Amino acid sequence: MHMSRYPRAFFAHLPTPLEKLENLTRELGGPTIWIKRDDCTGLAGGGNKTRKLEFLMADAQNKNADVIITQGATQSNHARQTAAIAAQMGMACHILLEDRTCSKDVDYT
């Protein structure tokens, strides 16, 4: 699939780096282990949702949307990044948060 045929709003700092995990590689006795640093995407703390949102938000913009509505669990990276992109694009954002853990910890909720 050629992703270039879809509209895209560019927000991420790409490409994100690969980092060799020398200590884990040594601890496990190989193979060489690498991690993709999507925390370096640069949007609201980074994360793996930014790439997807670049396409979704471009589509919303092309449809003249002025409000974004999404849902996710408490502490959702998707919800946090959606709110950040909506703010940058001048759109209102409403998030429906779900309590999937039933946690009573005030710091969590």
PDB file of N, CA and C in Angstrom:
ATOM      1  N   MET A   1       0.846  -1.169   0.000  1.00  0.00           N
ATOM      2  CA  MET A   1       0.000   0.000   0.000  1.00  0.00           C
ATOM      3  C   MET A   1       0.897   1.240   0.000  1.00  0.00           C
ATOM      4  N   HIS A   2       0.587   2.175  -0.841  1.00  0.00           N
ATOM      5  CA  HIS A   2       1.339   3.423  -0.910  1.00  0.00           C
ATOM      6  C   HIS A   2       0.669   4.465  -0.025  1.00  0.00           C
ATOM      7  N   MET A   3       1.295   4.731   1.113  1.00  0.00           N
ATOM      8  CA  MET A   3       0.718   5.665   2.074  1.00  0.00           C
ATOM      9  C   MET A   3       0.703   7.095   1.538  1.00  0.00           C
ATOM     10  N   SER A   4       1.521   7.378   0.548  1.00  0.00           N
ATOM     11  CA  SER A   4       1.587   8.747   0.026  1.00  0.00           C
ATOM     12  C   SER A   4       0.297   9.179  -0.654  1.00  0.00           C
ATOM     13  N   ARG A   5      -0.579   8.241  -0.953  1.00  0.00           N
ATOM     14  CA  ARG A   5      -1.847   8.633  -1.583  1.00  0.00           C
ATOM     15  C   ARG A   5      -2.853   9.177  -0.576  1.00  0.00           C
ATOM     16  N   TYR A   6      -2.546   9.080   0.712  1.00  0.00           N
ATOM     17  CA  TYR A   6      -3.447   9.565   1.756  1.00  0.00           C
ATOM     18  C   TYR A   6      -2.937  10.899   2.291  1.00  0.00           C
ATOM     19  N   PRO A   7      -3.848  11.838   2.588  1.00  0.00           N
ATOM     20  CA  PRO A   7      -3.401  13.104   3.163  1.00  0.00           C
ATOM     21  C   PRO A   7      -2.777  12.877   4.545  1.00  0.00           C
ATOM     22  N   ARG A   8      -1.794  13.698   4.851  1.00  0.00           N
ATOM     23  CA  ARG A   8      -1.068  13.523   6.111  1.00  0.00           C
ATOM     24  C   ARG A   8      -0.705  14.889   6.672  1.00  0.00           C
ATOM     25  N   ALA A   9      -0.928  15.058   7.954  1.00  0.00           N
ATOM     26  CA  ALA A   9      -0.480  16.248   8.680  1.00  0.00           C
ATOM     27  C   ALA A   9       0.792  15.847   9.416  1.00  0.00           C
ATOM     28  N   PHE A  10       1.871  16.537   9.197  1.00  0.00           N
ATOM     29  CA  PHE A  10       3.160  16.133   9.757  1.00  0.00           C
ATOM     30  C   PHE A  10       3.400  16.800  11.106  1.00  0.00           C
ATOM     31  N   PHE A  11       3.465  15.993  12.157  1.00  0.00           N
ATOM     32  CA  PHE A  11       3.712  16.470  13.512  1.00  0.00           C
ATOM     33  C   PHE A  11       4.898  15.777  14.164  1.00  0.00           C
ATOM     34  N   ALA A  12       5.149  14.542  13.784  1.00  0.00           N
ATOM     35  CA  ALA A  12       6.181  13.748  14.443  1.00  0.00           C
ATOM     36  C   ALA A  12       7.574  14.171  14.019  1.00  0.00           C
ATOM     37  N   HIS A  13       8.503  14.036  14.931  1.00  0.00           N
ATOM     38  CA  HIS A  13       9.918  14.211  14.622  1.00  0.00           C
ATOM     39  C   HIS A  13      10.419  12.843  14.160  1.00  0.00           C
ATOM     40  N   LEU A  14      10.468  12.670  12.845  1.00  0.00           N
ATOM     41  CA  LEU A  14      10.813  11.367  12.284  1.00  0.00           C
ATOM     42  C   LEU A  14      12.069  11.471  11.422  1.00  0.00           C
ATOM     43  N   PRO A  15      12.799  10.400  11.280  1.00  0.00           N
ATOM     44  CA  PRO A  15      12.566   9.114  11.916  1.00  0.00           C
ATOM     45  C   PRO A  15      13.040   9.135  13.372  1.00  0.00           C
ATOM     46  N   THR A  16      12.346   8.374  14.205  1.00  0.00           N
ATOM     47  CA  THR A  16      12.793   8.239  15.589  1.00  0.00           C
ATOM     48  C   THR A  16      13.986   7.283  15.603  1.00  0.00           C
ATOM     49  N   PRO A  17      14.878   7.462  16.578  1.00  0.00           N
ATOM     50  CA  PRO A  17      16.100   6.657  16.576  1.00  0.00           C
ATOM     51  C   PRO A  17      15.882   5.219  17.035  1.00  0.00           C
ATOM     52  N   LEU A  18      16.796   4.382  16.606  1.00  0.00           N
ATOM     53  CA  LEU A  18      16.924   3.032  17.149  1.00  0.00           C
ATOM     54  C   LEU A  18      18.054   3.067  18.165  1.00  0.00           C
ATOM     55  N   GLU A  19      17.865   2.407  19.283  1.00  0.00           N
ATOM     56  CA  GLU A  19      18.887   2.401  20.329  1.00  0.00           C
ATOM     57  C   GLU A  19      19.239   0.966  20.676  1.00  0.00           C
ATOM     58  N   LYS A  20      20.523   0.656  20.615  1.00  0.00           N
ATOM     59  CA  LYS A  20      20.995  -0.683  20.953  1.00  0.00           C
ATOM     60  C   LYS A  20      20.935  -0.865  22.464  1.00  0.00           C
ATOM     61  N   LEU A  21      20.344  -1.962  22.906  1.00  0.00           N
ATOM     62  CA  LEU A  21      20.230  -2.264  24.330  1.00  0.00           C
ATOM     63  C   LEU A  21      21.361  -3.218  24.712  1.00  0.00           C
ATOM     64  N   GLU A  22      22.518  -2.640  24.953  1.00  0.00           N
ATOM     65  CA  GLU A  22      23.723  -3.437  25.199  1.00  0.00           C
ATOM     66  C   GLU A  22      23.598  -4.299  26.449  1.00  0.00           C
ATOM     67  N   ASN A  23      23.084  -3.720  27.534  1.00  0.00           N
ATOM     68  CA  ASN A  23      22.998  -4.486  28.785  1.00  0.00           C
ATOM     69  C   ASN A  23      22.034  -5.658  28.663  1.00  0.00           C
ATOM     70  N   LEU A  24      20.870  -5.432  28.043  1.00  0.00           N
ATOM     71  CA  LEU A  24      19.899  -6.520  27.877  1.00  0.00           C
ATOM     72  C   LEU A  24      20.438  -7.580  26.924  1.00  0.00           C
ATOM     73  N   THR A  25      21.082  -7.151  25.861  1.00  0.00           N
ATOM     74  CA  THR A  25      21.693  -8.095  24.924  1.00  0.00           C
ATOM     75  C   THR A  25      22.709  -8.974  25.652  1.00  0.00           C
ATOM     76  N   ARG A  26      23.545  -8.341  26.467  1.00  0.00           N
ATOM     77  CA  ARG A  26      24.565  -9.087  27.222  1.00  0.00           C
ATOM     78  C   ARG A  26      23.910 -10.026  28.238  1.00  0.00           C
ATOM     79  N   GLU A  27      22.894  -9.524  28.946  1.00  0.00           N
ATOM     80  CA  GLU A  27      22.211 -10.334  29.964  1.00  0.00           C
ATOM     81  C   GLU A  27      21.576 -11.586  29.360  1.00  0.00           C
ATOM     82  N   LEU A  28      21.017 -11.436  28.164  1.00  0.00           N
ATOM     83  CA  LEU A  28      20.347 -12.566  27.506  1.00  0.00           C
ATOM     84  C   LEU A  28      21.305 -13.419  26.681  1.00  0.00           C
ATOM     85  N   GLY A  29      22.547 -12.975  26.554  1.00  0.00           N
ATOM     86  CA  GLY A  29      23.511 -13.729  25.774  1.00  0.00           C
ATOM     87  C   GLY A  29      23.246 -13.651  24.275  1.00  0.00           C
ATOM     88  N   GLY A  30      22.670 -12.556  23.819  1.00  0.00           N
ATOM     89  CA  GLY A  30      22.353 -12.380  22.401  1.00  0.00           C
ATOM     90  C   GLY A  30      20.953 -12.853  22.135  1.00  0.00           C
ATOM     91  N   PRO A  31      20.381 -12.574  21.032  1.00  0.00           N
ATOM     92  CA  PRO A  31      20.890 -11.776  19.922  1.00  0.00           C
ATOM     93  C   PRO A  31      20.948 -10.299  20.298  1.00  0.00           C
ATOM     94  N   THR A  32      21.499  -9.481  19.421  1.00  0.00           N
ATOM     95  CA  THR A  32      21.559  -8.043  19.639  1.00  0.00           C
ATOM     96  C   THR A  32      20.142  -7.488  19.639  1.00  0.00           C
ATOM     97  N   ILE A  33      19.804  -6.764  20.694  1.00  0.00           N
ATOM     98  CA  ILE A  33      18.443  -6.233  20.848  1.00  0.00           C
ATOM     99  C   ILE A  33      18.469  -4.712  20.693  1.00  0.00           C
ATOM    100  N   TRP A  34      17.529  -4.211  19.905  1.00  0.00           N
ATOM    101  CA  TRP A  34      17.368  -2.785  19.653  1.00  0.00           C
ATOM    102  C   TRP A  34      15.967  -2.378  20.065  1.00  0.00           C
ATOM    103  N   ILE A  35      15.796  -1.100  20.394  1.00  0.00           N
ATOM    104  CA  ILE A  35      14.469  -0.567  20.700  1.00  0.00           C
ATOM    105  C   ILE A  35      14.230   0.663  19.824  1.00  0.00           C
ATOM    106  N   LYS A  36      13.021   0.764  19.299  1.00  0.00           N
ATOM    107  CA  LYS A  36      12.611   1.919  18.510  1.00  0.00           C
ATOM    108  C   LYS A  36      12.130   2.984  19.479  1.00  0.00           C
ATOM    109  N   ARG A  37      12.719   4.175  19.466  1.00  0.00           N
ATOM    110  CA  ARG A  37      12.467   5.219  20.447  1.00  0.00           C
ATOM    111  C   ARG A  37      11.304   6.112  20.027  1.00  0.00           C
ATOM    112  N   ASP A  38      10.088   5.556  20.012  1.00  0.00           N
ATOM    113  CA  ASP A  38       8.926   6.355  19.656  1.00  0.00           C
ATOM    114  C   ASP A  38       8.567   7.371  20.731  1.00  0.00           C
ATOM    115  N   ASP A  39       9.221   7.296  21.882  1.00  0.00           N
ATOM    116  CA  ASP A  39       9.031   8.347  22.875  1.00  0.00           C
ATOM    117  C   ASP A  39       9.679   9.652  22.405  1.00  0.00           C
ATOM    118  N   CYS A  40      10.420   9.608  21.315  1.00  0.00           N
ATOM    119  CA  CYS A  40      11.104  10.783  20.773  1.00  0.00           C
ATOM    120  C   CYS A  40      10.335  11.428  19.616  1.00  0.00           C
ATOM    121  N   THR A  41       9.054  11.088  19.437  1.00  0.00           N
ATOM    122  CA  THR A  41       8.295  11.661  18.327  1.00  0.00           C
ATOM    123  C   THR A  41       8.014  13.141  18.532  1.00  0.00           C
ATOM    124  N   GLY A  42       8.147  13.632  19.775  1.00  0.00           N
ATOM    125  CA  GLY A  42       8.079  15.065  20.011  1.00  0.00           C
ATOM    126  C   GLY A  42       6.703  15.638  20.249  1.00  0.00           C
ATOM    127  N   LEU A  43       5.670  14.851  20.282  1.00  0.00           N
ATOM    128  CA  LEU A  43       4.321  15.381  20.483  1.00  0.00           C
ATOM    129  C   LEU A  43       3.776  14.897  21.818  1.00  0.00           C
ATOM    130  N   ALA A  44       3.558  15.807  22.745  1.00  0.00           N
ATOM    131  CA  ALA A  44       2.926  15.485  24.030  1.00  0.00           C
ATOM    132  C   ALA A  44       3.576  14.294  24.717  1.00  0.00           C
ATOM    133  N   GLY A  45       4.877  14.286  24.737  1.00  0.00           N
ATOM    134  CA  GLY A  45       5.579  13.188  25.405  1.00  0.00           C
ATOM    135  C   GLY A  45       5.905  12.035  24.493  1.00  0.00           C
ATOM    136  N   GLY A  46       5.535  12.123  23.254  1.00  0.00           N
ATOM    137  CA  GLY A  46       5.865  11.071  22.291  1.00  0.00           C
ATOM    138  C   GLY A  46       5.007   9.840  22.445  1.00  0.00           C
ATOM    139  N   GLY A  47       5.209   8.917  21.555  1.00  0.00           N
ATOM    140  CA  GLY A  47       4.488   7.656  21.608  1.00  0.00           C
ATOM    141  C   GLY A  47       4.182   7.130  20.224  1.00  0.00           C
ATOM    142  N   ASN A  48       3.715   5.912  20.199  1.00  0.00           N
ATOM    143  CA  ASN A  48       3.503   5.226  18.919  1.00  0.00           C
ATOM    144  C   ASN A  48       2.218   5.630  18.210  1.00  0.00           C
ATOM    145  N   LYS A  49       1.412   6.462  18.790  1.00  0.00           N
ATOM    146  CA  LYS A  49       0.132   6.841  18.176  1.00  0.00           C
ATOM    147  C   LYS A  49       0.269   8.008  17.207  1.00  0.00           C
ATOM    148  N   THR A  50       1.374   8.710  17.244  1.00  0.00           N
ATOM    149  CA  THR A  50       1.533   9.922  16.450  1.00  0.00           C
ATOM    150  C   THR A  50       1.399   9.649  14.962  1.00  0.00           C
ATOM    151  N   ARG A  51       2.028   8.589  14.470  1.00  0.00           N
ATOM    152  CA  ARG A  51       1.972   8.292  13.029  1.00  0.00           C
ATOM    153  C   ARG A  51       0.534   8.106  12.554  1.00  0.00           C
ATOM    154  N   LYS A  52      -0.234   7.340  13.313  1.00  0.00           N
ATOM    155  CA  LYS A  52      -1.641   7.111  12.964  1.00  0.00           C
ATOM    156  C   LYS A  52      -2.418   8.427  12.968  1.00  0.00           C
ATOM    157  N   LEU A  53      -2.178   9.245  13.988  1.00  0.00           N
ATOM    158  CA  LEU A  53      -2.910  10.498  14.115  1.00  0.00           C
ATOM    159  C   LEU A  53      -2.562  11.489  13.018  1.00  0.00           C
ATOM    160  N   GLU A  54      -1.371  11.411  12.450  1.00  0.00           N
ATOM    161  CA  GLU A  54      -1.036  12.293  11.338  1.00  0.00           C
ATOM    162  C   GLU A  54      -2.002  12.088  10.175  1.00  0.00           C
ATOM    163  N   PHE A  55      -2.410  10.850   9.947  1.00  0.00           N
ATOM    164  CA  PHE A  55      -3.357  10.549   8.865  1.00  0.00           C
ATOM    165  C   PHE A  55      -4.795  10.874   9.275  1.00  0.00           C
ATOM    166  N   LEU A  56      -5.171  10.503  10.486  1.00  0.00           N
ATOM    167  CA  LEU A  56      -6.544  10.761  10.937  1.00  0.00           C
ATOM    168  C   LEU A  56      -6.844  12.252  11.015  1.00  0.00           C
ATOM    169  N   MET A  57      -5.895  13.021  11.518  1.00  0.00           N
ATOM    170  CA  MET A  57      -6.132  14.458  11.676  1.00  0.00           C
ATOM    171  C   MET A  57      -6.096  15.179  10.326  1.00  0.00           C
ATOM    172  N   ALA A  58      -5.285  14.704   9.396  1.00  0.00           N
ATOM    173  CA  ALA A  58      -5.301  15.293   8.049  1.00  0.00           C
ATOM    174  C   ALA A  58      -6.657  15.050   7.391  1.00  0.00           C
ATOM    175  N   ASP A  59      -7.205  13.865   7.601  1.00  0.00           N
ATOM    176  CA  ASP A  59      -8.526  13.557   7.049  1.00  0.00           C
ATOM    177  C   ASP A  59      -9.583  14.473   7.668  1.00  0.00           C
ATOM    178  N   ALA A  60      -9.514  14.655   8.976  1.00  0.00           N
ATOM    179  CA  ALA A  60     -10.472  15.544   9.655  1.00  0.00           C
ATOM    180  C   ALA A  60     -10.333  16.971   9.137  1.00  0.00           C
ATOM    181  N   GLN A  61      -9.110  17.420   8.954  1.00  0.00           N
ATOM    182  CA  GLN A  61      -8.869  18.770   8.446  1.00  0.00           C
ATOM    183  C   GLN A  61      -9.422  18.926   7.031  1.00  0.00           C
ATOM    184  N   ASN A  62      -9.215  17.917   6.193  1.00  0.00           N
ATOM    185  CA  ASN A  62      -9.729  17.964   4.818  1.00  0.00           C
ATOM    186  C   ASN A  62     -11.250  17.968   4.765  1.00  0.00           C
ATOM    187  N   LYS A  63     -11.882  17.464   5.808  1.00  0.00           N
ATOM    188  CA  LYS A  63     -13.344  17.457   5.886  1.00  0.00           C
ATOM    189  C   LYS A  63     -13.867  18.667   6.658  1.00  0.00           C
ATOM    190  N   ASN A  64     -12.992  19.635   6.909  1.00  0.00           N
ATOM    191  CA  ASN A  64     -13.342  20.870   7.617  1.00  0.00           C
ATOM    192  C   ASN A  64     -13.882  20.642   9.018  1.00  0.00           C
ATOM    193  N   ALA A  65     -13.400  19.622   9.683  1.00  0.00           N
ATOM    194  CA  ALA A  65     -13.814  19.359  11.066  1.00  0.00           C
ATOM    195  C   ALA A  65     -13.272  20.468  11.971  1.00  0.00           C
ATOM    196  N   ASP A  66     -14.041  20.815  12.987  1.00  0.00           N
ATOM    197  CA  ASP A  66     -13.542  21.773  13.970  1.00  0.00           C
ATOM    198  C   ASP A  66     -13.573  21.192  15.380  1.00  0.00           C
ATOM    199  N   VAL A  67     -14.077  19.958  15.503  1.00  0.00           N
ATOM    200  CA  VAL A  67     -14.122  19.252  16.782  1.00  0.00           C
ATOM    201  C   VAL A  67     -13.677  17.812  16.544  1.00  0.00           C
ATOM    202  N   ILE A  68     -12.848  17.318  17.444  1.00  0.00           N
ATOM    203  CA  ILE A  68     -12.412  15.921  17.410  1.00  0.00           C
ATOM    204  C   ILE A  68     -12.966  15.242  18.648  1.00  0.00           C
ATOM    205  N   ILE A  69     -13.568  14.076  18.464  1.00  0.00           N
ATOM    206  CA  ILE A  69     -14.081  13.286  19.580  1.00  0.00           C
ATOM    207  C   ILE A  69     -13.399  11.932  19.517  1.00  0.00           C
ATOM    208  N   THR A  70     -12.839  11.514  20.643  1.00  0.00           N
ATOM    209  CA  THR A  70     -12.200  10.199  20.695  1.00  0.00           C
ATOM    210  C   THR A  70     -12.439   9.582  22.061  1.00  0.00           C
ATOM    211  N   GLN A  71     -12.046   8.344  22.229  1.00  0.00           N
ATOM    212  CA  GLN A  71     -12.207   7.668  23.515  1.00  0.00           C
ATOM    213  C   GLN A  71     -10.990   6.830  23.801  1.00  0.00           C
ATOM    214  N   GLY A  72     -10.803   6.542  25.066  1.00  0.00           N
ATOM    215  CA  GLY A  72      -9.689   5.713  25.493  1.00  0.00           C
ATOM    216  C   GLY A  72      -9.750   5.483  26.980  1.00  0.00           C
ATOM    217  N   ALA A  73      -8.852   4.651  27.438  1.00  0.00           N
ATOM    218  CA  ALA A  73      -8.772   4.351  28.866  1.00  0.00           C
ATOM    219  C   ALA A  73      -8.116   5.517  29.605  1.00  0.00           C
ATOM    220  N   THR A  74      -8.301   5.569  30.907  1.00  0.00           N
ATOM    221  CA  THR A  74      -7.609   6.541  31.734  1.00  0.00           C
ATOM    222  C   THR A  74      -6.118   6.439  31.446  1.00  0.00           C
ATOM    223  N   GLN A  75      -5.454   7.558  31.307  1.00  0.00           N
ATOM    224  CA  GLN A  75      -4.035   7.666  30.984  1.00  0.00           C
ATOM    225  C   GLN A  75      -3.715   7.192  29.564  1.00  0.00           C
ATOM    226  N   SER A  76      -4.671   7.255  28.662  1.00  0.00           N
ATOM    227  CA  SER A  76      -4.489   6.821  27.277  1.00  0.00           C
ATOM    228  C   SER A  76      -3.499   7.715  26.532  1.00  0.00           C
ATOM    229  N   ASN A  77      -2.470   7.102  25.940  1.00  0.00           N
ATOM    230  CA  ASN A  77      -1.538   7.849  25.092  1.00  0.00           C
ATOM    231  C   ASN A  77      -2.249   8.395  23.865  1.00  0.00           C
ATOM    232  N   HIS A  78      -3.147   7.604  23.297  1.00  0.00           N
ATOM    233  CA  HIS A  78      -3.906   8.046  22.127  1.00  0.00           C
ATOM    234  C   HIS A  78      -4.703   9.307  22.459  1.00  0.00           C
ATOM    235  N   ALA A  79      -5.391   9.311  23.590  1.00  0.00           N
ATOM    236  CA  ALA A  79      -6.203  10.465  23.977  1.00  0.00           C
ATOM    237  C   ALA A  79      -5.322  11.688  24.211  1.00  0.00           C
ATOM    238  N   ARG A  80      -4.206  11.517  24.886  1.00  0.00           N
ATOM    239  CA  ARG A  80      -3.288  12.619  25.171  1.00  0.00           C
ATOM    240  C   ARG A  80      -2.741  13.211  23.885  1.00  0.00           C
ATOM    241  N   GLN A  81      -2.331  12.359  22.965  1.00  0.00           N
ATOM    242  CA  GLN A  81      -1.767  12.865  21.715  1.00  0.00           C
ATOM    243  C   GLN A  81      -2.833  13.472  20.809  1.00  0.00           C
ATOM    244  N   THR A  82      -4.040  12.915  20.823  1.00  0.00           N
ATOM    245  CA  THR A  82      -5.129  13.503  20.041  1.00  0.00           C
ATOM    246  C   THR A  82      -5.417  14.916  20.520  1.00  0.00           C
ATOM    247  N   ALA A  83      -5.470  15.102  21.826  1.00  0.00           N
ATOM    248  CA  ALA A  83      -5.711  16.437  22.378  1.00  0.00           C
ATOM    249  C   ALA A  83      -4.600  17.404  21.977  1.00  0.00           C
ATOM    250  N   ALA A  84      -3.367  16.943  21.986  1.00  0.00           N
ATOM    251  CA  ALA A  84      -2.235  17.811  21.624  1.00  0.00           C
ATOM    252  C   ALA A  84      -2.298  18.214  20.156  1.00  0.00           C
ATOM    253  N   ILE A  85      -2.581  17.261  19.274  1.00  0.00           N
ATOM    254  CA  ILE A  85      -2.659  17.587  17.847  1.00  0.00           C
ATOM    255  C   ILE A  85      -3.855  18.497  17.568  1.00  0.00           C
ATOM    256  N   ALA A  86      -4.987  18.212  18.208  1.00  0.00           N
ATOM    257  CA  ALA A  86      -6.170  19.056  18.011  1.00  0.00           C
ATOM    258  C   ALA A  86      -5.863  20.497  18.428  1.00  0.00           C
ATOM    259  N   ALA A  87      -5.171  20.668  19.545  1.00  0.00           N
ATOM    260  CA  ALA A  87      -4.818  22.013  20.005  1.00  0.00           C
ATOM    261  C   ALA A  87      -3.914  22.710  18.989  1.00  0.00           C
ATOM    262  N   GLN A  88      -2.926  21.987  18.459  1.00  0.00           N
ATOM    263  CA  GLN A  88      -2.028  22.585  17.477  1.00  0.00           C
ATOM    264  C   GLN A  88      -2.769  22.970  16.200  1.00  0.00           C
ATOM    265  N   MET A  89      -3.805  22.216  15.851  1.00  0.00           N
ATOM    266  CA  MET A  89      -4.554  22.478  14.630  1.00  0.00           C
ATOM    267  C   MET A  89      -5.718  23.433  14.857  1.00  0.00           C
ATOM    268  N   GLY A  90      -5.902  23.889  16.099  1.00  0.00           N
ATOM    269  CA  GLY A  90      -6.972  24.826  16.411  1.00  0.00           C
ATOM    270  C   GLY A  90      -8.348  24.192  16.468  1.00  0.00           C
ATOM    271  N   MET A  91      -8.403  22.901  16.753  1.00  0.00           N
ATOM    272  CA  MET A  91      -9.684  22.185  16.849  1.00  0.00           C
ATOM    273  C   MET A  91     -10.023  21.929  18.319  1.00  0.00           C
ATOM    274  N   ALA A  92     -11.304  21.900  18.617  1.00  0.00           N
ATOM    275  CA  ALA A  92     -11.736  21.473  19.942  1.00  0.00           C
ATOM    276  C   ALA A  92     -11.565  19.964  20.035  1.00  0.00           C
ATOM    277  N   CYS A  93     -11.386  19.460  21.249  1.00  0.00           N
ATOM    278  CA  CYS A  93     -11.205  18.016  21.433  1.00  0.00           C
ATOM    279  C   CYS A  93     -11.998  17.565  22.649  1.00  0.00           C
ATOM    280  N   HIS A  94     -12.796  16.537  22.467  1.00  0.00           N
ATOM    281  CA  HIS A  94     -13.556  15.924  23.559  1.00  0.00           C
ATOM    282  C   HIS A  94     -13.115  14.474  23.662  1.00  0.00           C
ATOM    283  N   ILE A  95     -12.795  14.051  24.881  1.00  0.00           N
ATOM    284  CA  ILE A  95     -12.299  12.702  25.110  1.00  0.00           C
ATOM    285  C   ILE A  95     -13.224  11.986  26.082  1.00  0.00           C
ATOM    286  N   LEU A  96     -13.680  10.822  25.689  1.00  0.00           N
ATOM    287  CA  LEU A  96     -14.485   9.970  26.555  1.00  0.00           C
ATOM    288  C   LEU A  96     -13.534   8.964  27.192  1.00  0.00           C
ATOM    289  N   LEU A  97     -13.243   9.139  28.486  1.00  0.00           N
ATOM    290  CA  LEU A  97     -12.314   8.245  29.168  1.00  0.00           C
ATOM    291  C   LEU A  97     -13.058   7.102  29.838  1.00  0.00           C
ATOM    292  N   GLU A  98     -12.514   5.912  29.702  1.00  0.00           N
ATOM    293  CA  GLU A  98     -13.080   4.713  30.314  1.00  0.00           C
ATOM    294  C   GLU A  98     -12.231   4.288  31.504  1.00  0.00           C
ATOM    295  N   ASP A  99     -12.872   3.843  32.553  1.00  0.00           N
ATOM    296  CA  ASP A  99     -12.162   3.277  33.699  1.00  0.00           C
ATOM    297  C   ASP A  99     -12.112   1.763  33.503  1.00  0.00           C
ATOM    298  N   ARG A 100     -11.017   1.287  32.949  1.00  0.00           N
ATOM    299  CA  ARG A 100     -10.875  -0.145  32.658  1.00  0.00           C
ATOM    300  C   ARG A 100     -10.208  -0.906  33.792  1.00  0.00           C
ATOM    301  N   THR A 101      -9.703  -0.211  34.800  1.00  0.00           N
ATOM    302  CA  THR A 101      -8.956  -0.869  35.873  1.00  0.00           C
ATOM    303  C   THR A 101      -9.712  -0.915  37.200  1.00  0.00           C
ATOM    304  N   CYS A 102     -10.677  -0.062  37.368  1.00  0.00           N
ATOM    305  CA  CYS A 102     -11.390   0.096  38.645  1.00  0.00           C
ATOM    306  C   CYS A 102     -10.445   0.495  39.769  1.00  0.00           C
ATOM    307  N   SER A 103      -9.342   1.156  39.403  1.00  0.00           N
ATOM    308  CA  SER A 103      -8.366   1.588  40.389  1.00  0.00           C
ATOM    309  C   SER A 103      -8.971   2.668  41.277  1.00  0.00           C
ATOM    310  N   LYS A 104      -8.688   2.589  42.550  1.00  0.00           N
ATOM    311  CA  LYS A 104      -9.122   3.618  43.512  1.00  0.00           C
ATOM    312  C   LYS A 104      -7.989   4.578  43.836  1.00  0.00           C
ATOM    313  N   ASP A 105      -6.830   4.384  43.217  1.00  0.00           N
ATOM    314  CA  ASP A 105      -5.660   5.214  43.461  1.00  0.00           C
ATOM    315  C   ASP A 105      -5.870   6.592  42.849  1.00  0.00           C
ATOM    316  N   VAL A 106      -5.922   7.621  43.691  1.00  0.00           N
ATOM    317  CA  VAL A 106      -6.180   8.979  43.239  1.00  0.00           C
ATOM    318  C   VAL A 106      -5.123   9.422  42.216  1.00  0.00           C
ATOM    319  N   ASP A 107      -3.876   9.044  42.424  1.00  0.00           N
ATOM    320  CA  ASP A 107      -2.809   9.437  41.507  1.00  0.00           C
ATOM    321  C   ASP A 107      -2.986   8.803  40.127  1.00  0.00           C
ATOM    322  N   TYR A 108      -3.607   7.640  40.062  1.00  0.00           N
ATOM    323  CA  TYR A 108      -3.842   6.973  38.780  1.00  0.00           C
ATOM    324  C   TYR A 108      -4.981   7.644  38.020  1.00  0.00           C
ATOM    325  N   THR A 109      -6.092   7.875  38.722  1.00  0.00           N
ATOM    326  CA  THR A 109      -7.260   8.434  38.058  1.00  0.00           C
ATOM    327  C   THR A 109      -7.155   9.931  37.913  1.00  0.00           C
TER     328      THR A 109
END
